[in-house]
Amino acid sequence: MTTPLFLLRCVQLGISIRDLDLLTIGMVNDMYAESSNDDYKGYAQIATQRDFDAF
């Protein structure tokens, strides 16, 4: 990952330079990956208690 790409991801997530004192590169990468999951509509099935018991 290049510095410009990292800073672009920070801007896309709304992270300021001041906030970067509290975050690691890995945390920013994880936040960016999770942000793309927010719009995913493919989670049609939700686990029930029976599913958890079977697990």
PDB file of N, CA and C in Angstrom:
ATOM      1  N   MET A   1       0.835  -1.160   0.000  1.00  0.00           N
ATOM      2  CA  MET A   1       0.000   0.000   0.000  1.00  0.00           C
ATOM      3  C   MET A   1       0.893   1.241   0.000  1.00  0.00           C
ATOM      4  N   THR A   2       0.534   2.174  -0.823  1.00  0.00           N
ATOM      5  CA  THR A   2       1.292   3.423  -0.886  1.00  0.00           C
ATOM      6  C   THR A   2       0.682   4.449   0.067  1.00  0.00           C
ATOM      7  N   THR A   3       1.446   5.465   0.365  1.00  0.00           N
ATOM      8  CA  THR A   3       0.959   6.521   1.243  1.00  0.00           C
ATOM      9  C   THR A   3      -0.253   7.238   0.652  1.00  0.00           C
ATOM     10  N   PRO A   4      -0.228   7.587  -0.656  1.00  0.00           N
ATOM     11  CA  PRO A   4      -1.427   8.233  -1.209  1.00  0.00           C
ATOM     12  C   PRO A   4      -2.673   7.345  -1.129  1.00  0.00           C
ATOM     13  N   LEU A   5      -2.534   6.056  -1.342  1.00  0.00           N
ATOM     14  CA  LEU A   5      -3.676   5.154  -1.244  1.00  0.00           C
ATOM     15  C   LEU A   5      -4.196   5.102   0.192  1.00  0.00           C
ATOM     16  N   PHE A   6      -3.290   5.036   1.148  1.00  0.00           N
ATOM     17  CA  PHE A   6      -3.687   5.026   2.551  1.00  0.00           C
ATOM     18  C   PHE A   6      -4.439   6.302   2.910  1.00  0.00           C
ATOM     19  N   LEU A   7      -3.926   7.447   2.481  1.00  0.00           N
ATOM     20  CA  LEU A   7      -4.578   8.716   2.784  1.00  0.00           C
ATOM     21  C   LEU A   7      -5.923   8.835   2.079  1.00  0.00           C
ATOM     22  N   LEU A   8      -6.035   8.281   0.869  1.00  0.00           N
ATOM     23  CA  LEU A   8      -7.316   8.270   0.166  1.00  0.00           C
ATOM     24  C   LEU A   8      -8.347   7.472   0.950  1.00  0.00           C
ATOM     25  N   ARG A   9      -7.941   6.322   1.444  1.00  0.00           N
ATOM     26  CA  ARG A   9      -8.860   5.512   2.251  1.00  0.00           C
ATOM     27  C   ARG A   9      -9.283   6.252   3.508  1.00  0.00           C
ATOM     28  N   CYS A  10      -8.363   6.977   4.119  1.00  0.00           N
ATOM     29  CA  CYS A  10      -8.709   7.764   5.307  1.00  0.00           C
ATOM     30  C   CYS A  10      -9.747   8.821   4.966  1.00  0.00           C
ATOM     31  N   VAL A  11      -9.567   9.499   3.836  1.00  0.00           N
ATOM     32  CA  VAL A  11     -10.528  10.522   3.422  1.00  0.00           C
ATOM     33  C   VAL A  11     -11.886   9.888   3.141  1.00  0.00           C
ATOM     34  N   GLN A  12     -11.895   8.728   2.482  1.00  0.00           N
ATOM     35  CA  GLN A  12     -13.150   8.047   2.174  1.00  0.00           C
ATOM     36  C   GLN A  12     -13.899   7.644   3.437  1.00  0.00           C
ATOM     37  N   LEU A  13     -13.158   7.335   4.498  1.00  0.00           N
ATOM     38  CA  LEU A  13     -13.768   6.943   5.769  1.00  0.00           C
ATOM     39  C   LEU A  13     -14.064   8.136   6.672  1.00  0.00           C
ATOM     40  N   GLY A  14     -13.577   9.304   6.306  1.00  0.00           N
ATOM     41  CA  GLY A  14     -13.787  10.486   7.131  1.00  0.00           C
ATOM     42  C   GLY A  14     -12.840  10.576   8.309  1.00  0.00           C
ATOM     43  N   ILE A  15     -11.674   9.976   8.194  1.00  0.00           N
ATOM     44  CA  ILE A  15     -10.682   9.981   9.271  1.00  0.00           C
ATOM     45  C   ILE A  15      -9.747  11.170   9.061  1.00  0.00           C
ATOM     46  N   SER A  16      -9.599  11.982  10.085  1.00  0.00           N
ATOM     47  CA  SER A  16      -8.718  13.144   9.983  1.00  0.00           C
ATOM     48  C   SER A  16      -7.285  12.753  10.351  1.00  0.00           C
ATOM     49  N   ILE A  17      -6.362  13.635  10.021  1.00  0.00           N
ATOM     50  CA  ILE A  17      -4.950  13.406  10.363  1.00  0.00           C
ATOM     51  C   ILE A  17      -4.797  13.289  11.872  1.00  0.00           C
ATOM     52  N   ARG A  18      -5.538  14.086  12.605  1.00  0.00           N
ATOM     53  CA  ARG A  18      -5.473  14.044  14.072  1.00  0.00           C
ATOM     54  C   ARG A  18      -5.942  12.688  14.598  1.00  0.00           C
ATOM     55  N   ASP A  19      -6.969  12.106  13.951  1.00  0.00           N
ATOM     56  CA  ASP A  19      -7.474  10.799  14.367  1.00  0.00           C
ATOM     57  C   ASP A  19      -6.459   9.684  14.141  1.00  0.00           C
ATOM     58  N   LEU A  20      -5.545   9.881  13.202  1.00  0.00           N
ATOM     59  CA  LEU A  20      -4.570   8.831  12.886  1.00  0.00           C
ATOM     60  C   LEU A  20      -3.604   8.567  14.036  1.00  0.00           C
ATOM     61  N   ASP A  21      -3.499   9.496  14.982  1.00  0.00           N
ATOM     62  CA  ASP A  21      -2.671   9.260  16.165  1.00  0.00           C
ATOM     63  C   ASP A  21      -3.212   8.104  16.996  1.00  0.00           C
ATOM     64  N   LEU A  22      -4.517   7.845  16.861  1.00  0.00           N
ATOM     65  CA  LEU A  22      -5.167   6.823  17.678  1.00  0.00           C
ATOM     66  C   LEU A  22      -5.359   5.502  16.939  1.00  0.00           C
ATOM     67  N   LEU A  23      -5.043   5.463  15.649  1.00  0.00           N
ATOM     68  CA  LEU A  23      -5.313   4.280  14.824  1.00  0.00           C
ATOM     69  C   LEU A  23      -4.037   3.728  14.217  1.00  0.00           C
ATOM     70  N   THR A  24      -4.042   2.437  13.938  1.00  0.00           N
ATOM     71  CA  THR A  24      -2.941   1.818  13.207  1.00  0.00           C
ATOM     72  C   THR A  24      -3.332   1.669  11.743  1.00  0.00           C
ATOM     73  N   ILE A  25      -2.361   1.383  10.905  1.00  0.00           N
ATOM     74  CA  ILE A  25      -2.642   1.149   9.485  1.00  0.00           C
ATOM     75  C   ILE A  25      -3.590  -0.029   9.332  1.00  0.00           C
ATOM     76  N   GLY A  26      -3.384  -1.061  10.124  1.00  0.00           N
ATOM     77  CA  GLY A  26      -4.246  -2.236  10.055  1.00  0.00           C
ATOM     78  C   GLY A  26      -5.683  -1.925  10.436  1.00  0.00           C
ATOM     79  N   MET A  27      -5.861  -1.073  11.435  1.00  0.00           N
ATOM     80  CA  MET A  27      -7.221  -0.705  11.843  1.00  0.00           C
ATOM     81  C   MET A  27      -7.931   0.062  10.729  1.00  0.00           C
ATOM     82  N   VAL A  28      -7.210   0.961  10.065  1.00  0.00           N
ATOM     83  CA  VAL A  28      -7.803   1.719   8.958  1.00  0.00           C
ATOM     84  C   VAL A  28      -8.161   0.774   7.816  1.00  0.00           C
ATOM     85  N   ASN A  29      -7.275  -0.180   7.507  1.00  0.00           N
ATOM     86  CA  ASN A  29      -7.570  -1.152   6.451  1.00  0.00           C
ATOM     87  C   ASN A  29      -8.799  -1.998   6.801  1.00  0.00           C
ATOM     88  N   ASP A  30      -8.907  -2.417   8.043  1.00  0.00           N
ATOM     89  CA  ASP A  30     -10.072  -3.198   8.473  1.00  0.00           C
ATOM     90  C   ASP A  30     -11.352  -2.368   8.384  1.00  0.00           C
ATOM     91  N   MET A  31     -11.274  -1.118   8.790  1.00  0.00           N
ATOM     92  CA  MET A  31     -12.441  -0.243   8.711  1.00  0.00           C
ATOM     93  C   MET A  31     -12.871  -0.044   7.261  1.00  0.00           C
ATOM     94  N   TYR A  32     -11.904   0.086   6.366  1.00  0.00           N
ATOM     95  CA  TYR A  32     -12.229   0.270   4.951  1.00  0.00           C
ATOM     96  C   TYR A  32     -12.883  -0.993   4.392  1.00  0.00           C
ATOM     97  N   ALA A  33     -12.357  -2.159   4.749  1.00  0.00           N
ATOM     98  CA  ALA A  33     -12.934  -3.415   4.264  1.00  0.00           C
ATOM     99  C   ALA A  33     -14.349  -3.594   4.799  1.00  0.00           C
ATOM    100  N   GLU A  34     -14.565  -3.289   6.060  1.00  0.00           N
ATOM    101  CA  GLU A  34     -15.889  -3.428   6.650  1.00  0.00           C
ATOM    102  C   GLU A  34     -16.879  -2.421   6.093  1.00  0.00           C
ATOM    103  N   SER A  35     -16.398  -1.258   5.691  1.00  0.00           N
ATOM    104  CA  SER A  35     -17.313  -0.254   5.155  1.00  0.00           C
ATOM    105  C   SER A  35     -17.951  -0.717   3.855  1.00  0.00           C
ATOM    106  N   SER A  36     -17.252  -1.549   3.102  1.00  0.00           N
ATOM    107  CA  SER A  36     -17.845  -2.060   1.865  1.00  0.00           C
ATOM    108  C   SER A  36     -18.909  -3.118   2.157  1.00  0.00           C
ATOM    109  N   ASN A  37     -18.888  -3.698   3.337  1.00  0.00           N
ATOM    110  CA  ASN A  37     -19.910  -4.675   3.722  1.00  0.00           C
ATOM    111  C   ASN A  37     -21.226  -4.015   4.129  1.00  0.00           C
ATOM    112  N   ASP A  38     -21.195  -2.725   4.412  1.00  0.00           N
ATOM    113  CA  ASP A  38     -22.400  -2.030   4.862  1.00  0.00           C
ATOM    114  C   ASP A  38     -23.509  -2.039   3.822  1.00  0.00           C
ATOM    115  N   ASP A  39     -23.137  -2.028   2.551  1.00  0.00           N
ATOM    116  CA  ASP A  39     -24.127  -1.975   1.475  1.00  0.00           C
ATOM    117  C   ASP A  39     -24.480  -3.350   0.930  1.00  0.00           C
ATOM    118  N   TYR A  40     -23.891  -4.406   1.457  1.00  0.00           N
ATOM    119  CA  TYR A  40     -24.128  -5.749   0.938  1.00  0.00           C
ATOM    120  C   TYR A  40     -25.498  -6.245   1.366  1.00  0.00           C
ATOM    121  N   LYS A  41     -26.314  -6.653   0.382  1.00  0.00           N
ATOM    122  CA  LYS A  41     -27.682  -7.085   0.654  1.00  0.00           C
ATOM    123  C   LYS A  41     -27.834  -8.607   0.621  1.00  0.00           C
ATOM    124  N   GLY A  42     -26.735  -9.339   0.540  1.00  0.00           N
ATOM    125  CA  GLY A  42     -26.787 -10.782   0.368  1.00  0.00           C
ATOM    126  C   GLY A  42     -27.009 -11.592   1.635  1.00  0.00           C
ATOM    127  N   TYR A  43     -27.136 -10.930   2.775  1.00  0.00           N
ATOM    128  CA  TYR A  43     -27.352 -11.661   4.021  1.00  0.00           C
ATOM    129  C   TYR A  43     -28.850 -11.913   4.211  1.00  0.00           C
ATOM    130  N   ALA A  44     -29.386 -12.809   3.398  1.00  0.00           N
ATOM    131  CA  ALA A  44     -30.825 -13.049   3.416  1.00  0.00           C
ATOM    132  C   ALA A  44     -31.250 -13.916   4.598  1.00  0.00           C
ATOM    133  N   GLN A  45     -30.357 -14.746   5.103  1.00  0.00           N
ATOM    134  CA  GLN A  45     -30.714 -15.667   6.173  1.00  0.00           C
ATOM    135  C   GLN A  45     -30.056 -15.226   7.472  1.00  0.00           C
ATOM    136  N   ILE A  46     -30.858 -15.161   8.511  1.00  0.00           N
ATOM    137  CA  ILE A  46     -30.354 -14.789   9.836  1.00  0.00           C
ATOM    138  C   ILE A  46     -30.420 -16.026  10.724  1.00  0.00           C
ATOM    139  N   ALA A  47     -29.347 -16.259  11.453  1.00  0.00           N
ATOM    140  CA  ALA A  47     -29.279 -17.439  12.316  1.00  0.00           C
ATOM    141  C   ALA A  47     -30.308 -17.350  13.439  1.00  0.00           C
ATOM    142  N   THR A  48     -30.876 -18.488  13.774  1.00  0.00           N
ATOM    143  CA  THR A  48     -31.828 -18.583  14.880  1.00  0.00           C
ATOM    144  C   THR A  48     -31.147 -19.270  16.058  1.00  0.00           C
ATOM    145  N   GLN A  49     -31.841 -19.353  17.156  1.00  0.00           N
ATOM    146  CA  GLN A  49     -31.292 -20.047  18.322  1.00  0.00           C
ATOM    147  C   GLN A  49     -31.030 -21.507  17.991  1.00  0.00           C
ATOM    148  N   ARG A  50     -31.893 -22.093  17.192  1.00  0.00           N
ATOM    149  CA  ARG A  50     -31.716 -23.492  16.789  1.00  0.00           C
ATOM    150  C   ARG A  50     -30.405 -23.685  16.017  1.00  0.00           C
ATOM    151  N   ASP A  51     -30.086 -22.719  15.147  1.00  0.00           N
ATOM    152  CA  ASP A  51     -28.818 -22.768  14.409  1.00  0.00           C
ATOM    153  C   ASP A  51     -27.628 -22.714  15.352  1.00  0.00           C
ATOM    154  N   PHE A  52     -27.705 -21.821  16.351  1.00  0.00           N
ATOM    155  CA  PHE A  52     -26.610 -21.717  17.307  1.00  0.00           C
ATOM    156  C   PHE A  52     -26.469 -22.995  18.139  1.00  0.00           C
ATOM    157  N   ASP A  53     -27.583 -23.568  18.528  1.00  0.00           N
ATOM    158  CA  ASP A  53     -27.541 -24.817  19.293  1.00  0.00           C
ATOM    159  C   ASP A  53     -26.920 -25.947  18.471  1.00  0.00           C
ATOM    160  N   ALA A  54     -27.221 -25.985  17.184  1.00  0.00           N
ATOM    161  CA  ALA A  54     -26.678 -27.022  16.307  1.00  0.00           C
ATOM    162  C   ALA A  54     -25.178 -26.820  16.070  1.00  0.00           C
ATOM    163  N   PHE A  55     -24.760 -25.576  16.136  1.00  0.00           N
ATOM    164  CA  PHE A  55     -23.354 -25.257  15.905  1.00  0.00           C
ATOM    165  C   PHE A  55     -22.516 -25.821  17.036  1.00  0.00           C
TER     166      PHE A  55
END
